Amino acid sequence: MFKNPSIILLLLVFVLFVGIGDRVLPEPMKSASFNTRTTINKNLLGLFPTWKSKLKPHERTNKAIENTEQGK
């Protein structure tokens, strides 16, 4: 996939920086790592639309119970 080992090393360093940098690095880099991860998370979550149910949370269950009680 990657022919140049420096690309692999750079990618690994970036993943480690984003993944655990806020736990092991000193303060200026700690907040940079946290902010980078937060930004990436927000952007990835923004790619997917939010799904909202047309029904109320328990409406379908309540209707099924009523139908069962009425013998339908």
PDB file of N, CA and C in Angstrom:
ATOM      1  N   MET A   1       0.830  -1.176   0.000  1.00  0.00           N
ATOM      2  CA  MET A   1       0.000   0.000   0.000  1.00  0.00           C
ATOM      3  C   MET A   1       0.882   1.250   0.000  1.00  0.00           C
ATOM      4  N   PHE A   2       1.657   1.454   1.074  1.00  0.00           N
ATOM      5  CA  PHE A   2       2.579   2.578   1.126  1.00  0.00           C
ATOM      6  C   PHE A   2       3.968   2.085   0.767  1.00  0.00           C
ATOM      7  N   LYS A   3       4.638   2.765  -0.147  1.00  0.00           N
ATOM      8  CA  LYS A   3       5.967   2.351  -0.559  1.00  0.00           C
ATOM      9  C   LYS A   3       7.044   3.044   0.254  1.00  0.00           C
ATOM     10  N   ASN A   4       6.715   4.163   0.836  1.00  0.00           N
ATOM     11  CA  ASN A   4       7.691   4.927   1.575  1.00  0.00           C
ATOM     12  C   ASN A   4       7.476   4.719   3.081  1.00  0.00           C
ATOM     13  N   PRO A   5       8.468   4.160   3.799  1.00  0.00           N
ATOM     14  CA  PRO A   5       8.278   3.897   5.225  1.00  0.00           C
ATOM     15  C   PRO A   5       8.074   5.162   6.055  1.00  0.00           C
ATOM     16  N   SER A   6       8.543   6.304   5.580  1.00  0.00           N
ATOM     17  CA  SER A   6       8.351   7.534   6.348  1.00  0.00           C
ATOM     18  C   SER A   6       6.879   7.942   6.391  1.00  0.00           C
ATOM     19  N   ILE A   7       6.109   7.599   5.371  1.00  0.00           N
ATOM     20  CA  ILE A   7       4.678   7.888   5.371  1.00  0.00           C
ATOM     21  C   ILE A   7       3.989   7.052   6.450  1.00  0.00           C
ATOM     22  N   ILE A   8       4.378   5.795   6.557  1.00  0.00           N
ATOM     23  CA  ILE A   8       3.812   4.915   7.578  1.00  0.00           C
ATOM     24  C   ILE A   8       4.152   5.452   8.965  1.00  0.00           C
ATOM     25  N   LEU A   9       5.385   5.861   9.169  1.00  0.00           N
ATOM     26  CA  LEU A   9       5.810   6.391  10.459  1.00  0.00           C
ATOM     27  C   LEU A   9       5.063   7.681  10.789  1.00  0.00           C
ATOM     28  N   LEU A  10       4.918   8.555   9.825  1.00  0.00           N
ATOM     29  CA  LEU A  10       4.199   9.806  10.031  1.00  0.00           C
ATOM     30  C   LEU A  10       2.732   9.550  10.373  1.00  0.00           C
ATOM     31  N   LEU A  11       2.106   8.621   9.686  1.00  0.00           N
ATOM     32  CA  LEU A  11       0.719   8.268   9.964  1.00  0.00           C
ATOM     33  C   LEU A  11       0.573   7.670  11.367  1.00  0.00           C
ATOM     34  N   LEU A  12       1.501   6.817  11.755  1.00  0.00           N
ATOM     35  CA  LEU A  12       1.477   6.216  13.088  1.00  0.00           C
ATOM     36  C   LEU A  12       1.646   7.278  14.178  1.00  0.00           C
ATOM     37  N   VAL A  13       2.554   8.204  13.976  1.00  0.00           N
ATOM     38  CA  VAL A  13       2.762   9.286  14.945  1.00  0.00           C
ATOM     39  C   VAL A  13       1.506  10.139  15.063  1.00  0.00           C
ATOM     40  N   PHE A  14       0.860  10.437  13.944  1.00  0.00           N
ATOM     41  CA  PHE A  14      -0.372  11.232  13.980  1.00  0.00           C
ATOM     42  C   PHE A  14      -1.480  10.506  14.732  1.00  0.00           C
ATOM     43  N   VAL A  15      -1.641   9.220  14.465  1.00  0.00           N
ATOM     44  CA  VAL A  15      -2.677   8.443  15.143  1.00  0.00           C
ATOM     45  C   VAL A  15      -2.416   8.394  16.645  1.00  0.00           C
ATOM     46  N   LEU A  16      -1.156   8.196  17.037  1.00  0.00           N
ATOM     47  CA  LEU A  16      -0.821   8.192  18.456  1.00  0.00           C
ATOM     48  C   LEU A  16      -1.023   9.566  19.080  1.00  0.00           C
ATOM     49  N   PHE A  17      -0.658  10.608  18.371  1.00  0.00           N
ATOM     50  CA  PHE A  17      -0.841  11.976  18.864  1.00  0.00           C
ATOM     51  C   PHE A  17      -2.318  12.261  19.127  1.00  0.00           C
ATOM     52  N   VAL A  18      -3.161  11.882  18.190  1.00  0.00           N
ATOM     53  CA  VAL A  18      -4.591  12.136  18.330  1.00  0.00           C
ATOM     54  C   VAL A  18      -5.209  11.198  19.367  1.00  0.00           C
ATOM     55  N   GLY A  19      -4.773   9.946  19.370  1.00  0.00           N
ATOM     56  CA  GLY A  19      -5.396   8.954  20.237  1.00  0.00           C
ATOM     57  C   GLY A  19      -5.059   9.085  21.707  1.00  0.00           C
ATOM     58  N   ILE A  20      -3.770   9.229  22.029  1.00  0.00           N
ATOM     59  CA  ILE A  20      -3.380   9.235  23.441  1.00  0.00           C
ATOM     60  C   ILE A  20      -2.519  10.430  23.818  1.00  0.00           C
ATOM     61  N   GLY A  21      -2.401  11.397  22.956  1.00  0.00           N
ATOM     62  CA  GLY A  21      -1.547  12.545  23.217  1.00  0.00           C
ATOM     63  C   GLY A  21      -1.953  13.361  24.420  1.00  0.00           C
ATOM     64  N   ASP A  22      -3.253  13.463  24.676  1.00  0.00           N
ATOM     65  CA  ASP A  22      -3.695  14.284  25.803  1.00  0.00           C
ATOM     66  C   ASP A  22      -3.446  13.609  27.146  1.00  0.00           C
ATOM     67  N   ARG A  23      -3.055  12.347  27.143  1.00  0.00           N
ATOM     68  CA  ARG A  23      -2.766  11.647  28.395  1.00  0.00           C
ATOM     69  C   ARG A  23      -1.280  11.601  28.719  1.00  0.00           C
ATOM     70  N   VAL A  24      -0.424  11.676  27.702  1.00  0.00           N
ATOM     71  CA  VAL A  24       1.002  11.448  27.945  1.00  0.00           C
ATOM     72  C   VAL A  24       1.894  12.641  27.611  1.00  0.00           C
ATOM     73  N   LEU A  25       1.417  13.602  26.878  1.00  0.00           N
ATOM     74  CA  LEU A  25       2.254  14.728  26.464  1.00  0.00           C
ATOM     75  C   LEU A  25       2.173  15.876  27.463  1.00  0.00           C
ATOM     76  N   PRO A  26       3.179  16.751  27.480  1.00  0.00           N
ATOM     77  CA  PRO A  26       3.100  17.939  28.341  1.00  0.00           C
ATOM     78  C   PRO A  26       2.034  18.919  27.843  1.00  0.00           C
ATOM     79  N   GLU A  27       1.743  19.913  28.635  1.00  0.00           N
ATOM     80  CA  GLU A  27       0.567  20.771  28.453  1.00  0.00           C
ATOM     81  C   GLU A  27       0.374  21.416  27.086  1.00  0.00           C
ATOM     82  N   PRO A  28       1.306  22.065  26.461  1.00  0.00           N
ATOM     83  CA  PRO A  28       0.931  22.693  25.180  1.00  0.00           C
ATOM     84  C   PRO A  28       0.502  21.670  24.135  1.00  0.00           C
ATOM     85  N   MET A  29       1.175  20.530  24.113  1.00  0.00           N
ATOM     86  CA  MET A  29       0.830  19.488  23.142  1.00  0.00           C
ATOM     87  C   MET A  29      -0.413  18.714  23.579  1.00  0.00           C
ATOM     88  N   LYS A  30      -0.641  18.649  24.887  1.00  0.00           N
ATOM     89  CA  LYS A  30      -1.805  17.940  25.421  1.00  0.00           C
ATOM     90  C   LYS A  30      -3.091  18.586  24.914  1.00  0.00           C
ATOM     91  N   SER A  31      -3.179  19.911  25.026  1.00  0.00           N
ATOM     92  CA  SER A  31      -4.395  20.570  24.569  1.00  0.00           C
ATOM     93  C   SER A  31      -4.514  20.545  23.051  1.00  0.00           C
ATOM     94  N   ALA A  32      -3.405  20.576  22.348  1.00  0.00           N
ATOM     95  CA  ALA A  32      -3.458  20.487  20.882  1.00  0.00           C
ATOM     96  C   ALA A  32      -3.991  19.125  20.453  1.00  0.00           C
ATOM     97  N   SER A  33      -3.560  18.070  21.129  1.00  0.00           N
ATOM     98  CA  SER A  33      -4.042  16.727  20.822  1.00  0.00           C
ATOM     99  C   SER A  33      -5.540  16.613  21.102  1.00  0.00           C
ATOM    100  N   PHE A  34      -5.964  17.120  22.245  1.00  0.00           N
ATOM    101  CA  PHE A  34      -7.378  17.070  22.605  1.00  0.00           C
ATOM    102  C   PHE A  34      -8.232  17.852  21.608  1.00  0.00           C
ATOM    103  N   ASN A  35      -7.784  19.049  21.245  1.00  0.00           N
ATOM    104  CA  ASN A  35      -8.535  19.874  20.293  1.00  0.00           C
ATOM    105  C   ASN A  35      -8.599  19.224  18.914  1.00  0.00           C
ATOM    106  N   THR A  36      -7.506  18.583  18.496  1.00  0.00           N
ATOM    107  CA  THR A  36      -7.492  17.899  17.201  1.00  0.00           C
ATOM    108  C   THR A  36      -8.488  16.748  17.195  1.00  0.00           C
ATOM    109  N   ARG A  37      -8.480  15.949  18.260  1.00  0.00           N
ATOM    110  CA  ARG A  37      -9.406  14.812  18.335  1.00  0.00           C
ATOM    111  C   ARG A  37     -10.853  15.292  18.384  1.00  0.00           C
ATOM    112  N   THR A  38     -11.116  16.349  19.131  1.00  0.00           N
ATOM    113  CA  THR A  38     -12.474  16.882  19.219  1.00  0.00           C
ATOM    114  C   THR A  38     -12.949  17.388  17.859  1.00  0.00           C
ATOM    115  N   THR A  39     -12.083  18.066  17.143  1.00  0.00           N
ATOM    116  CA  THR A  39     -12.441  18.582  15.818  1.00  0.00           C
ATOM    117  C   THR A  39     -12.712  17.442  14.845  1.00  0.00           C
ATOM    118  N   ILE A  40     -11.871  16.425  14.872  1.00  0.00           N
ATOM    119  CA  ILE A  40     -12.076  15.273  13.985  1.00  0.00           C
ATOM    120  C   ILE A  40     -13.398  14.585  14.310  1.00  0.00           C
ATOM    121  N   ASN A  41     -13.693  14.403  15.592  1.00  0.00           N
ATOM    122  CA  ASN A  41     -14.954  13.763  15.988  1.00  0.00           C
ATOM    123  C   ASN A  41     -16.155  14.562  15.517  1.00  0.00           C
ATOM    124  N   LYS A  42     -16.129  15.867  15.701  1.00  0.00           N
ATOM    125  CA  LYS A  42     -17.256  16.699  15.289  1.00  0.00           C
ATOM    126  C   LYS A  42     -17.453  16.646  13.776  1.00  0.00           C
ATOM    127  N   ASN A  43     -16.353  16.667  13.035  1.00  0.00           N
ATOM    128  CA  ASN A  43     -16.465  16.617  11.575  1.00  0.00           C
ATOM    129  C   ASN A  43     -16.989  15.274  11.099  1.00  0.00           C
ATOM    130  N   LEU A  44     -16.538  14.190  11.710  1.00  0.00           N
ATOM    131  CA  LEU A  44     -17.025  12.869  11.306  1.00  0.00           C
ATOM    132  C   LEU A  44     -18.490  12.677  11.669  1.00  0.00           C
ATOM    133  N   LEU A  45     -18.889  13.148  12.842  1.00  0.00           N
ATOM    134  CA  LEU A  45     -20.291  13.043  13.220  1.00  0.00           C
ATOM    135  C   LEU A  45     -21.177  13.939  12.364  1.00  0.00           C
ATOM    136  N   GLY A  46     -20.635  15.028  11.877  1.00  0.00           N
ATOM    137  CA  GLY A  46     -21.393  15.924  11.019  1.00  0.00           C
ATOM    138  C   GLY A  46     -21.674  15.344   9.641  1.00  0.00           C
ATOM    139  N   LEU A  47     -20.960  14.297   9.271  1.00  0.00           N
ATOM    140  CA  LEU A  47     -21.189  13.670   7.968  1.00  0.00           C
ATOM    141  C   LEU A  47     -22.490  12.875   7.934  1.00  0.00           C
ATOM    142  N   PHE A  48     -22.934  12.429   9.110  1.00  0.00           N
ATOM    143  CA  PHE A  48     -24.116  11.588   9.177  1.00  0.00           C
ATOM    144  C   PHE A  48     -25.307  12.417   9.658  1.00  0.00           C
ATOM    145  N   PRO A  49     -26.419  12.324   8.952  1.00  0.00           N
ATOM    146  CA  PRO A  49     -27.589  13.097   9.379  1.00  0.00           C
ATOM    147  C   PRO A  49     -28.160  12.529  10.671  1.00  0.00           C
ATOM    148  N   THR A  50     -28.791  13.399  11.445  1.00  0.00           N
ATOM    149  CA  THR A  50     -29.421  12.926  12.675  1.00  0.00           C
ATOM    150  C   THR A  50     -30.759  12.302  12.316  1.00  0.00           C
ATOM    151  N   TRP A  51     -31.064  11.193  12.961  1.00  0.00           N
ATOM    152  CA  TRP A  51     -32.302  10.483  12.701  1.00  0.00           C
ATOM    153  C   TRP A  51     -33.261  10.760  13.838  1.00  0.00           C
ATOM    154  N   LYS A  52     -34.453  11.201  13.483  1.00  0.00           N
ATOM    155  CA  LYS A  52     -35.476  11.450  14.481  1.00  0.00           C
ATOM    156  C   LYS A  52     -36.679  10.579  14.170  1.00  0.00           C
ATOM    157  N   SER A  53     -37.163   9.920  15.182  1.00  0.00           N
ATOM    158  CA  SER A  53     -38.326   9.055  15.022  1.00  0.00           C
ATOM    159  C   SER A  53     -39.576   9.901  14.822  1.00  0.00           C
ATOM    160  N   LYS A  54     -40.453   9.439  13.959  1.00  0.00           N
ATOM    161  CA  LYS A  54     -41.706  10.148  13.732  1.00  0.00           C
ATOM    162  C   LYS A  54     -42.684   9.873  14.870  1.00  0.00           C
ATOM    163  N   LEU A  55     -42.482   8.762  15.558  1.00  0.00           N
ATOM    164  CA  LEU A  55     -43.347   8.397  16.667  1.00  0.00           C
ATOM    165  C   LEU A  55     -42.703   8.792  17.986  1.00  0.00           C
ATOM    166  N   LYS A  56     -43.524   8.916  18.997  1.00  0.00           N
ATOM    167  CA  LYS A  56     -42.995   9.133  20.329  1.00  0.00           C
ATOM    168  C   LYS A  56     -42.322   7.848  20.783  1.00  0.00           C
ATOM    169  N   PRO A  57     -41.414   7.896  21.728  1.00  0.00           N
ATOM    170  CA  PRO A  57     -40.617   6.720  22.081  1.00  0.00           C
ATOM    171  C   PRO A  57     -41.409   5.459  22.396  1.00  0.00           C
ATOM    172  N   HIS A  58     -42.512   5.572  23.107  1.00  0.00           N
ATOM    173  CA  HIS A  58     -43.241   4.370  23.518  1.00  0.00           C
ATOM    174  C   HIS A  58     -44.582   4.220  22.813  1.00  0.00           C
ATOM    175  N   GLU A  59     -44.835   5.043  21.830  1.00  0.00           N
ATOM    176  CA  GLU A  59     -46.133   5.025  21.166  1.00  0.00           C
ATOM    177  C   GLU A  59     -46.386   3.693  20.455  1.00  0.00           C
ATOM    178  N   ARG A  60     -45.398   3.184  19.752  1.00  0.00           N
ATOM    179  CA  ARG A  60     -45.574   1.925  19.030  1.00  0.00           C
ATOM    180  C   ARG A  60     -45.838   0.776  19.995  1.00  0.00           C
ATOM    181  N   THR A  61     -45.124   0.751  21.114  1.00  0.00           N
ATOM    182  CA  THR A  61     -45.318  -0.312  22.106  1.00  0.00           C
ATOM    183  C   THR A  61     -46.699  -0.202  22.732  1.00  0.00           C
ATOM    184  N   ASN A  62     -47.109   1.013  23.076  1.00  0.00           N
ATOM    185  CA  ASN A  62     -48.434   1.197  23.669  1.00  0.00           C
ATOM    186  C   ASN A  62     -49.539   0.780  22.708  1.00  0.00           C
ATOM    187  N   LYS A  63     -49.399   1.074  21.424  1.00  0.00           N
ATOM    188  CA  LYS A  63     -50.403   0.652  20.440  1.00  0.00           C
ATOM    189  C   LYS A  63     -50.449  -0.862  20.326  1.00  0.00           C
ATOM    190  N   ALA A  64     -49.274  -1.514  20.369  1.00  0.00           N
ATOM    191  CA  ALA A  64     -49.246  -2.969  20.285  1.00  0.00           C
ATOM    192  C   ALA A  64     -49.912  -3.597  21.504  1.00  0.00           C
ATOM    193  N   ILE A  65     -49.698  -3.016  22.665  1.00  0.00           N
ATOM    194  CA  ILE A  65     -50.340  -3.528  23.885  1.00  0.00           C
ATOM    195  C   ILE A  65     -51.849  -3.345  23.822  1.00  0.00           C
ATOM    196  N   GLU A  66     -52.311  -2.168  23.369  1.00  0.00           N
ATOM    197  CA  GLU A  66     -53.737  -1.927  23.244  1.00  0.00           C
ATOM    198  C   GLU A  66     -54.381  -2.881  22.245  1.00  0.00           C
ATOM    199  N   ASN A  67     -53.704  -3.131  21.116  1.00  0.00           N
ATOM    200  CA  ASN A  67     -54.252  -4.060  20.119  1.00  0.00           C
ATOM    201  C   ASN A  67     -54.325  -5.466  20.667  1.00  0.00           C
ATOM    202  N   THR A  68     -53.357  -5.867  21.450  1.00  0.00           N
ATOM    203  CA  THR A  68     -53.346  -7.206  22.041  1.00  0.00           C
ATOM    204  C   THR A  68     -54.459  -7.326  23.071  1.00  0.00           C
ATOM    205  N   GLU A  69     -54.652  -6.294  23.870  1.00  0.00           N
ATOM    206  CA  GLU A  69     -55.697  -6.323  24.889  1.00  0.00           C
ATOM    207  C   GLU A  69     -57.086  -6.334  24.262  1.00  0.00           C
ATOM    208  N   GLN A  70     -57.241  -5.692  23.115  1.00  0.00           N
ATOM    209  CA  GLN A  70     -58.536  -5.634  22.443  1.00  0.00           C
ATOM    210  C   GLN A  70     -58.776  -6.870  21.585  1.00  0.00           C
ATOM    211  N   GLY A  71     -57.763  -7.710  21.431  1.00  0.00           N
ATOM    212  CA  GLY A  71     -57.921  -8.938  20.654  1.00  0.00           C
ATOM    213  C   GLY A  71     -57.757  -8.758  19.157  1.00  0.00           C
ATOM    214  N   LYS A  72     -57.068  -7.741  18.723  1.00  0.00           N
ATOM    215  CA  LYS A  72     -56.863  -7.503  17.293  1.00  0.00           C
ATOM    216  C   LYS A  72     -55.656  -8.229  16.803  1.00  0.00           C
TER     217      LYS A  72
END
